[in-house]
Amino acid sequence: MVSPVSTNLYTYELLPIFDVPALQLIIDEAIGAGCDHIVLVSSRQKPGLEAYIAPSPDVVAKLRDQGRNDVADRLARIGSDVRVSVTYQDNPKGLGHAVGCARELVGNEPFAVLLPDELRGDSGLLRLLIDSCEETGKSAIELKRVPMDQVSAYGVVTVTEGSPADGPFGICGVVEKPKSEDAPSDLIILGRYVLTPDIFVDIDALQPHANGEYQLTDALLAQGLRGELLGHLTTTKRWDTGTPTGWLEAVLDAAASQPHVNHMMTEWFKKNLS
C-alpha cells in the first residue's frame, strides 16, 4: 500500500503539534494502517521535508539523550520499517494533479491519499478504507455529515438509492463546493482516500477549472459514474491544521493528552484566562 501525501508551498507539515511535527503524525497514521511505502508529493522549494525523512542517527541519538524515546523510535522507523520516497509538484495545479504526480512511484496497485493539513486521532479510519477497497475492488473515501450551511466549502457526494443510512454509501455523483441550495446531500468528502489505480486514467482526462486546478473530485466523479466508488463515515477525531485555530486546537489537544503537561496547562489557563 502506497500513500501519496499531497503538500502545498509552505512547510506547515513540519510545524510541531506540541512536540511532534505534523508530518510525523501522518507517517505514524499510514504505518499504523499497514502502509509500507510513503510517497511525499512535495516541491523543490521545500527542502525541509526531504531533510526530515533522510536517515539521521545523530538526531535519533539526541532525542534518546533527552529521554524522548517514543519520538526517537517513530523517527527511526523511516527508512527501516517504512520506505519513504519524494516526487515533485513544482507547479501546484490542484489535488488531482498532485496525486497524478505520484503515478510512477505508486504503480499499478491501490494506494492511500492522506492530506497533510488534516490530522486524525488514530489509524482506524484509514484501515477501514483499505479493508473496504481490498474487499470490494472499489475506491473508498472518507465522508462526514455536516449542516447544509457548511457544504459549500467541500466536495459533496450523491449517494446511490438504497445505500444504508450509516454507510457504506455507493457514490454516483460528486460536486466541488456547491452552493448549499444546490448540494445533493449533507455528506462531504474529507482528507482520506484509498483509490484504485484506474483513477490515474481519470486524472489524465481531467480538464482544468477556471483557477487552473485539476480537481480530484472530478476523477472521483468518473469512478462514481462507473459504480466504482464507496464512501464511509469518518470514525475518528479530526483536526484541520490548515487554519490557525485548527492548528492551535490540535496542539492543545496533543499537550493535554500528556498528564504532566495537562497540569501545567490547567494552571496557566486558571491564571491567564480567569
Protein backbone atom coordinates (compact mmCIF):
# COMPACT_ATOMS: atom_id res chain seq x y z
CA MET A 1 0.00 0.00 0.00
CA VAL A 2 1.47 3.33 -1.05
CA SER A 3 0.46 6.64 0.50
CA PRO A 4 0.96 9.81 -1.53
CA VAL A 5 0.88 12.78 0.79
CA SER A 6 -0.08 15.98 -1.00
CA THR A 7 1.64 19.20 0.01
CA ASN A 8 1.44 22.93 -0.69
CA LEU A 9 4.18 25.53 -0.97
CA TYR A 10 4.56 26.37 2.71
CA THR A 11 6.01 23.83 5.10
CA TYR A 12 3.22 23.59 7.65
CA GLU A 13 3.87 19.81 7.58
CA LEU A 14 6.86 20.40 9.84
CA LEU A 15 5.05 22.64 12.31
CA PRO A 16 5.04 20.89 15.68
CA ILE A 17 1.81 19.53 17.07
CA PHE A 18 3.03 20.23 20.59
CA ASP A 19 6.32 18.27 20.34
CA VAL A 20 5.93 16.18 17.16
CA PRO A 21 5.89 17.52 13.58
CA ALA A 22 2.57 17.13 11.77
CA LEU A 23 4.33 15.13 9.04
CA GLN A 24 5.42 12.56 11.61
CA LEU A 25 1.81 12.13 12.73
CA ILE A 26 0.78 11.49 9.12
CA ILE A 27 3.57 8.94 8.74
CA ASP A 28 2.53 7.28 12.00
CA GLU A 29 -1.06 7.02 10.79
CA ALA A 30 -0.02 5.45 7.50
CA ILE A 31 2.26 2.92 9.20
CA GLY A 32 -0.43 2.11 11.74
CA ALA A 33 -2.84 1.30 8.91
CA GLY A 34 -0.33 -1.08 7.31
CA CYS A 35 1.29 1.11 4.64
CA ASP A 36 4.91 0.18 3.90
CA HIS A 37 5.78 2.83 1.29
CA ILE A 38 5.06 6.52 1.66
CA VAL A 39 5.33 8.98 -1.22
CA LEU A 40 5.61 12.66 -0.38
CA VAL A 41 4.31 14.89 -3.17
CA SER A 42 6.39 17.96 -2.48
CA SER A 43 8.10 20.94 -4.10
CA ARG A 44 11.77 21.66 -4.65
CA GLN A 45 11.13 24.86 -2.71
CA LYS A 46 10.58 22.76 0.44
CA PRO A 47 13.90 21.03 1.16
CA GLY A 48 12.95 20.72 4.81
CA LEU A 49 10.65 17.81 4.03
CA GLU A 50 13.40 15.79 2.39
CA ALA A 51 15.76 16.63 5.23
CA TYR A 52 13.22 15.34 7.72
CA ILE A 53 12.83 11.93 6.09
CA ALA A 54 16.57 11.46 5.50
CA PRO A 55 18.13 8.94 7.93
CA SER A 56 19.61 10.88 10.84
CA PRO A 57 21.18 8.69 13.54
CA ASP A 58 22.54 11.80 15.31
CA VAL A 59 19.06 13.27 15.71
CA VAL A 60 17.68 9.95 16.94
CA ALA A 61 20.54 9.66 19.44
CA LYS A 62 19.97 13.23 20.68
CA LEU A 63 16.28 12.52 21.23
CA ARG A 64 17.19 9.46 23.27
CA ASP A 65 19.63 11.52 25.34
CA GLN A 66 16.72 13.87 26.08
CA GLY A 67 14.59 10.95 27.21
CA ARG A 68 12.25 11.29 24.21
CA ASN A 69 12.44 7.63 23.26
CA ASP A 70 8.94 7.48 21.81
CA VAL A 71 9.69 10.23 19.26
CA ALA A 72 13.11 8.69 18.56
CA ASP A 73 11.53 5.30 17.84
CA ARG A 74 8.99 6.85 15.48
CA LEU A 75 11.66 8.78 13.57
CA ALA A 76 13.92 5.72 13.36
CA ARG A 77 11.20 3.76 11.55
CA ILE A 78 11.59 6.00 8.48
CA GLY A 79 13.79 4.13 6.06
CA SER A 80 13.71 0.93 8.12
CA ASP A 81 10.12 -0.12 8.85
CA VAL A 82 8.77 2.01 6.01
CA ARG A 83 10.18 3.23 2.72
CA VAL A 84 9.72 6.94 2.02
CA SER A 85 10.07 8.47 -1.46
CA VAL A 86 9.66 12.01 -2.76
CA THR A 87 8.16 13.20 -6.02
CA TYR A 88 7.63 16.80 -7.07
CA GLN A 89 4.74 19.05 -7.98
CA ASP A 90 6.72 22.19 -8.70
CA ASN A 91 3.76 23.95 -10.29
CA PRO A 92 0.79 23.39 -7.98
CA LYS A 93 -2.30 22.68 -10.05
CA GLY A 94 -4.69 21.17 -7.56
CA LEU A 95 -5.11 17.89 -5.71
CA GLY A 96 -5.88 15.87 -8.83
CA HIS A 97 -2.61 16.99 -10.37
CA ALA A 98 -0.72 16.27 -7.12
CA VAL A 99 -2.00 12.70 -6.99
CA GLY A 100 -1.10 12.25 -10.65
CA CYS A 101 2.49 13.26 -9.86
CA ALA A 102 2.83 10.09 -7.74
CA ARG A 103 1.78 7.74 -10.54
CA GLU A 104 5.20 6.34 -11.39
CA LEU A 105 6.05 5.59 -7.77
CA VAL A 106 2.62 4.20 -6.94
CA GLY A 107 2.49 1.70 -9.79
CA ASN A 108 -0.50 -0.48 -10.57
CA GLU A 109 -1.90 -1.08 -7.11
CA PRO A 110 -4.41 0.54 -4.78
CA PHE A 111 -2.98 3.41 -2.75
CA ALA A 112 -3.97 5.80 0.01
CA VAL A 113 -4.01 9.59 -0.11
CA LEU A 114 -3.60 11.48 3.17
CA LEU A 115 -3.91 15.25 3.10
CA PRO A 116 -1.24 16.57 5.49
CA ASP A 117 -3.26 19.52 6.77
CA GLU A 118 -5.80 17.09 8.20
CA LEU A 119 -4.75 15.01 11.19
CA ARG A 120 -6.58 12.02 12.61
CA GLY A 121 -6.72 10.62 16.11
CA ASP A 122 -5.73 7.11 15.04
CA SER A 123 -5.28 4.82 12.04
CA GLY A 124 -8.69 3.18 12.31
CA LEU A 125 -10.46 5.12 9.56
CA LEU A 126 -7.62 4.63 7.09
CA ARG A 127 -7.55 0.91 7.87
CA LEU A 128 -11.32 0.78 7.30
CA LEU A 129 -10.90 2.36 3.85
CA ILE A 130 -8.09 -0.04 2.98
CA ASP A 131 -10.17 -3.04 4.03
CA SER A 132 -13.13 -1.76 2.01
CA CYS A 133 -11.01 -1.38 -1.12
CA GLU A 134 -9.46 -4.82 -0.71
CA GLU A 135 -12.84 -6.49 -0.15
CA THR A 136 -14.77 -4.76 -2.95
CA GLY A 137 -12.15 -3.72 -5.51
CA LYS A 138 -13.63 -0.19 -5.38
CA SER A 139 -12.11 3.09 -4.26
CA ALA A 140 -13.15 4.15 -0.75
CA ILE A 141 -13.24 7.68 0.63
CA GLU A 142 -13.89 9.38 3.98
CA LEU A 143 -17.21 11.20 4.40
CA LYS A 144 -18.85 13.29 7.11
CA ARG A 145 -22.34 14.71 7.61
CA VAL A 146 -22.36 18.47 8.19
CA PRO A 147 -25.04 21.19 8.41
CA MET A 148 -26.11 22.32 4.95
CA ASP A 149 -24.71 25.81 5.50
CA GLN A 150 -21.21 24.27 5.59
CA VAL A 151 -21.26 22.13 2.44
CA SER A 152 -20.09 24.91 0.11
CA ALA A 153 -16.53 24.57 1.46
CA TYR A 154 -16.17 20.92 0.43
CA GLY A 155 -16.71 18.28 -2.21
CA VAL A 156 -20.21 16.85 -1.75
CA VAL A 157 -21.46 13.42 -2.88
CA THR A 158 -24.66 11.99 -4.27
CA VAL A 159 -25.32 8.53 -2.85
CA THR A 160 -26.96 5.68 -4.72
CA GLU A 161 -30.53 4.79 -3.87
CA GLY A 162 -30.74 2.08 -1.23
CA SER A 163 -27.42 2.86 0.46
CA PRO A 164 -27.52 2.15 4.23
CA ALA A 165 -28.23 5.23 6.35
CA ASP A 166 -24.85 4.91 8.08
CA GLY A 167 -22.92 3.63 5.07
CA PRO A 168 -21.04 2.36 3.34
CA PHE A 169 -22.53 4.54 0.63
CA GLY A 170 -22.46 3.86 -3.06
CA ILE A 171 -21.49 7.16 -4.68
CA CYS A 172 -22.91 8.12 -8.06
CA GLY A 173 -22.13 11.84 -8.08
CA VAL A 174 -19.53 14.29 -6.78
CA VAL A 175 -19.62 18.09 -6.98
CA GLU A 176 -16.94 20.52 -5.77
CA LYS A 177 -18.04 23.30 -3.37
CA PRO A 178 -21.70 23.65 -4.40
CA LYS A 179 -24.00 26.34 -3.08
CA SER A 180 -25.95 24.97 -0.14
CA GLU A 181 -29.21 25.14 -2.09
CA ASP A 182 -27.68 23.12 -4.92
CA ALA A 183 -25.86 20.49 -2.82
CA PRO A 184 -27.02 16.93 -3.47
CA SER A 185 -26.59 15.85 0.18
CA ASP A 186 -25.07 16.78 3.52
CA LEU A 187 -22.19 14.32 3.02
CA ILE A 188 -18.85 15.99 2.44
CA ILE A 189 -15.52 14.47 1.40
CA LEU A 190 -12.72 14.71 3.96
CA GLY A 191 -8.98 14.13 3.65
CA ARG A 192 -8.54 10.35 3.48
CA TYR A 193 -8.88 8.30 0.31
CA VAL A 194 -7.96 4.77 -0.79
CA LEU A 195 -8.03 4.68 -4.57
CA THR A 196 -7.76 2.00 -7.21
CA PRO A 197 -5.04 2.61 -9.83
CA ASP A 198 -7.53 3.23 -12.65
CA ILE A 199 -8.02 6.68 -11.07
CA PHE A 200 -4.87 7.72 -12.96
CA VAL A 201 -6.70 7.26 -16.27
CA ASP A 202 -9.41 9.58 -14.98
CA ILE A 203 -6.79 12.07 -13.79
CA ASP A 204 -5.20 12.08 -17.25
CA ALA A 205 -8.59 13.05 -18.69
CA LEU A 206 -9.20 15.94 -16.29
CA GLN A 207 -9.91 19.42 -17.58
CA PRO A 208 -8.70 22.40 -15.51
CA HIS A 209 -11.17 24.52 -13.59
CA ALA A 210 -11.29 28.29 -14.04
CA ASN A 211 -8.50 28.69 -11.47
CA GLY A 212 -6.24 26.35 -13.46
CA GLU A 213 -6.52 23.50 -10.97
CA TYR A 214 -7.24 19.85 -11.74
CA GLN A 215 -9.66 18.63 -9.11
CA LEU A 216 -9.52 15.12 -7.68
CA THR A 217 -13.30 15.32 -7.20
CA ASP A 218 -13.73 15.24 -10.99
CA ALA A 219 -11.78 11.98 -11.18
CA LEU A 220 -13.83 10.60 -8.28
CA LEU A 221 -16.98 11.54 -10.19
CA ALA A 222 -15.80 9.42 -13.13
CA GLN A 223 -15.29 6.45 -10.80
CA GLY A 224 -18.67 7.04 -9.19
CA LEU A 225 -20.44 7.06 -12.54
CA ARG A 226 -18.90 3.63 -13.22
CA GLY A 227 -20.12 2.34 -9.84
CA GLU A 228 -16.55 2.05 -8.55
CA LEU A 229 -16.63 4.41 -5.56
CA LEU A 230 -17.75 3.87 -1.96
CA GLY A 231 -17.92 6.32 0.95
CA HIS A 232 -17.53 5.61 4.66
CA LEU A 233 -18.44 7.92 7.53
CA THR A 234 -15.41 9.12 9.45
CA THR A 235 -14.76 7.25 12.66
CA THR A 236 -12.04 9.21 14.41
CA LYS A 237 -11.10 12.61 15.82
CA ARG A 238 -10.12 15.15 13.16
CA TRP A 239 -8.03 18.34 13.26
CA ASP A 240 -7.85 20.74 10.33
CA THR A 241 -4.38 22.23 10.76
CA GLY A 242 -4.70 24.24 7.56
CA THR A 243 -6.24 27.03 9.66
CA PRO A 244 -4.57 28.80 12.63
CA THR A 245 -7.36 27.87 15.01
CA GLY A 246 -7.38 24.26 13.81
CA TRP A 247 -3.63 24.01 14.33
CA LEU A 248 -3.96 25.53 17.81
CA GLU A 249 -6.69 23.07 18.76
CA ALA A 250 -4.51 20.16 17.62
CA VAL A 251 -1.56 21.47 19.66
CA LEU A 252 -3.67 21.97 22.79
CA ASP A 253 -5.26 18.52 22.49
CA ALA A 254 -1.84 16.90 22.00
CA ALA A 255 -0.42 18.72 25.01
CA ALA A 256 -3.45 17.94 27.17
CA SER A 257 -3.04 14.22 26.43
CA GLN A 258 0.24 14.23 28.40
CA PRO A 259 -0.52 14.21 32.15
CA HIS A 260 2.47 16.31 33.29
CA VAL A 261 1.73 18.94 30.65
CA ASN A 262 -2.00 18.85 31.29
CA HIS A 263 -1.41 20.01 34.87
CA MET A 264 0.78 22.91 33.70
CA MET A 265 -1.83 23.92 31.12
CA THR A 266 -4.60 23.84 33.70
CA GLU A 267 -2.66 26.17 35.98
CA TRP A 268 -1.80 28.51 33.10
CA PHE A 269 -5.43 28.78 31.99
CA LYS A 270 -6.58 29.43 35.55
CA LYS A 271 -4.04 32.22 35.87
CA ASN A 272 -4.41 33.87 32.48
CA LEU A 273 -7.97 33.22 31.33
CA SER A 274 -9.96 33.62 34.51
